[in-house]
Protein backbone atom coordinates (compact mmCIF):
# COMPACT_ATOMS: atom_id res chain seq x y z
CA MET A 1 -7.06 29.97 -76.32
CA LYS A 2 -8.08 29.38 -79.93
CA THR A 3 -7.89 26.15 -82.00
CA SER A 4 -5.81 28.08 -84.47
CA ASP A 5 -3.04 28.12 -81.78
CA PHE A 6 -2.64 24.43 -82.55
CA TYR A 7 -2.27 24.69 -86.37
CA PHE A 8 1.23 23.78 -87.53
CA ASP A 9 2.83 22.21 -90.54
CA LEU A 10 3.80 18.60 -90.19
CA PRO A 11 5.23 16.85 -93.24
CA GLU A 12 3.11 13.86 -94.29
CA GLU A 13 6.10 11.59 -94.29
CA LEU A 14 6.46 12.16 -90.50
CA ILE A 15 2.89 11.01 -89.72
CA ALA A 16 2.58 7.29 -88.93
CA GLN A 17 0.04 5.71 -91.29
CA GLU A 18 -0.20 2.41 -89.44
CA PRO A 19 0.70 1.35 -85.88
CA LEU A 20 3.97 -0.55 -85.34
CA LYS A 21 3.63 -4.36 -85.03
CA ASP A 22 5.53 -4.09 -81.69
CA ARG A 23 3.59 -1.31 -80.05
CA SER A 24 6.16 -1.12 -77.26
CA SER A 25 8.62 0.16 -79.82
CA SER A 26 6.62 3.33 -80.31
CA ARG A 27 8.60 6.46 -79.60
CA LEU A 28 8.20 8.35 -76.32
CA LEU A 29 9.18 11.98 -75.78
CA VAL A 30 10.36 12.60 -72.21
CA ALA A 31 10.30 16.19 -70.97
CA ASP A 32 12.01 16.69 -67.66
CA LYS A 33 10.52 19.83 -65.96
CA ASN A 34 13.26 20.04 -63.43
CA THR A 35 16.19 20.11 -65.86
CA GLU A 36 14.06 21.42 -68.83
CA SER A 37 15.70 18.64 -70.93
CA ILE A 38 14.02 16.64 -73.58
CA SER A 39 14.98 13.11 -74.53
CA HIS A 40 13.69 10.48 -76.91
CA LYS A 41 12.94 7.07 -75.65
CA HIS A 42 10.68 4.12 -76.46
CA PHE A 43 7.29 3.52 -74.93
CA ARG A 44 8.60 0.36 -73.29
CA ASP A 45 10.77 2.63 -71.11
CA ILE A 46 7.79 4.37 -69.61
CA LYS A 47 8.01 2.33 -66.41
CA GLU A 48 11.26 4.18 -65.60
CA TYR A 49 9.31 7.42 -65.39
CA LEU A 50 6.25 6.36 -63.41
CA LYS A 51 6.14 6.39 -59.64
CA ALA A 52 3.69 5.22 -57.03
CA GLY A 53 0.64 7.52 -57.12
CA ASP A 54 1.15 8.76 -60.72
CA CYS A 55 -1.82 8.70 -63.03
CA LEU A 56 -1.30 7.37 -66.53
CA VAL A 57 -4.09 8.39 -68.97
CA ILE A 58 -4.50 6.19 -72.01
CA ASN A 59 -5.95 7.73 -75.18
CA ASP A 60 -7.51 5.03 -77.23
CA THR A 61 -9.35 7.26 -79.72
CA ARG A 62 -9.24 6.44 -83.39
CA VAL A 63 -8.60 8.89 -86.10
CA LEU A 64 -11.23 9.08 -88.77
CA PRO A 65 -9.38 9.60 -92.06
CA ALA A 66 -11.85 12.13 -93.43
CA ARG A 67 -10.14 15.36 -94.48
CA LEU A 68 -12.04 16.99 -97.31
CA HIS A 69 -10.77 19.80 -99.54
CA GLY A 70 -13.37 22.02 -101.07
CA GLU A 71 -14.24 25.48 -102.30
CA ARG A 72 -16.63 28.01 -100.92
CA VAL A 73 -19.48 28.38 -103.43
CA GLY A 74 -19.47 31.93 -104.82
CA THR A 75 -15.85 32.83 -103.99
CA GLY A 76 -13.90 29.72 -104.83
CA ALA A 77 -11.90 30.15 -101.61
CA HIS A 78 -10.12 26.89 -100.62
CA ILE A 79 -11.61 25.32 -97.46
CA GLU A 80 -10.45 22.26 -95.62
CA VAL A 81 -12.99 20.27 -93.66
CA LEU A 82 -12.11 17.59 -91.06
CA LEU A 83 -14.99 15.31 -90.20
CA LEU A 84 -15.08 14.59 -86.48
CA VAL A 85 -18.46 13.22 -85.30
CA ARG A 86 -21.44 11.97 -87.33
CA LYS A 87 -24.55 13.58 -85.82
CA SER A 88 -27.09 12.14 -88.25
CA ILE A 89 -27.25 10.57 -91.69
CA ASP A 90 -26.28 13.84 -93.36
CA THR A 91 -24.94 16.05 -90.53
CA TRP A 92 -21.44 16.11 -89.20
CA GLU A 93 -19.53 18.02 -86.53
CA VAL A 94 -16.40 19.28 -88.26
CA LEU A 95 -13.43 21.49 -87.96
CA VAL A 96 -13.08 23.96 -90.87
CA ARG A 97 -9.84 25.67 -91.88
CA PRO A 98 -9.81 28.57 -92.16
CA GLY A 99 -12.86 28.90 -89.88
CA LYS A 100 -13.42 32.56 -90.59
CA LYS A 101 -14.24 31.83 -94.21
CA ALA A 102 -17.09 29.47 -93.34
CA ARG A 103 -20.25 31.16 -91.94
CA PRO A 104 -23.73 29.72 -91.34
CA GLY A 105 -25.54 29.44 -94.64
CA ASP A 106 -22.31 29.19 -96.68
CA LYS A 107 -22.10 26.30 -99.10
CA ILE A 108 -18.96 24.34 -99.76
CA SER A 109 -18.40 22.34 -102.90
CA PHE A 110 -16.35 19.14 -103.07
CA GLY A 111 -15.20 17.11 -106.03
CA ASP A 112 -16.03 19.70 -108.72
CA GLY A 113 -19.58 20.00 -107.40
CA ARG A 114 -20.34 16.30 -106.98
CA LEU A 115 -20.91 16.93 -103.22
CA THR A 116 -22.14 20.15 -101.63
CA ALA A 117 -22.32 20.93 -97.93
CA GLU A 118 -23.99 23.74 -96.05
CA VAL A 119 -22.53 25.36 -92.83
CA LEU A 120 -25.26 25.13 -90.21
CA GLU A 121 -23.53 26.81 -87.26
């Protein structure tokens, strides 16, 4: 499996920018594996789908709003960088799109050259 398998276009207007005041009003997609049906509910309805012995995993991660658009120095190829984890004061773990255009040693320019990054690995 490759991370590129998960790339898809999602219109910006469909991405929530802030959580709802009433978090229980968040939408819940219910996929029934027996009937192969899909229905749309609210998160407050989740208790209807949980049974004794079920395991509910809560993801409380936060999204770091740090998507940078730059150009590969030398070719001008457009590169998108998503900052994931800060490793040190000037080193980040990132996702690069398209990944095959960024190789160790490559430099990426952001903001008309005001910031330059180097691909380490």
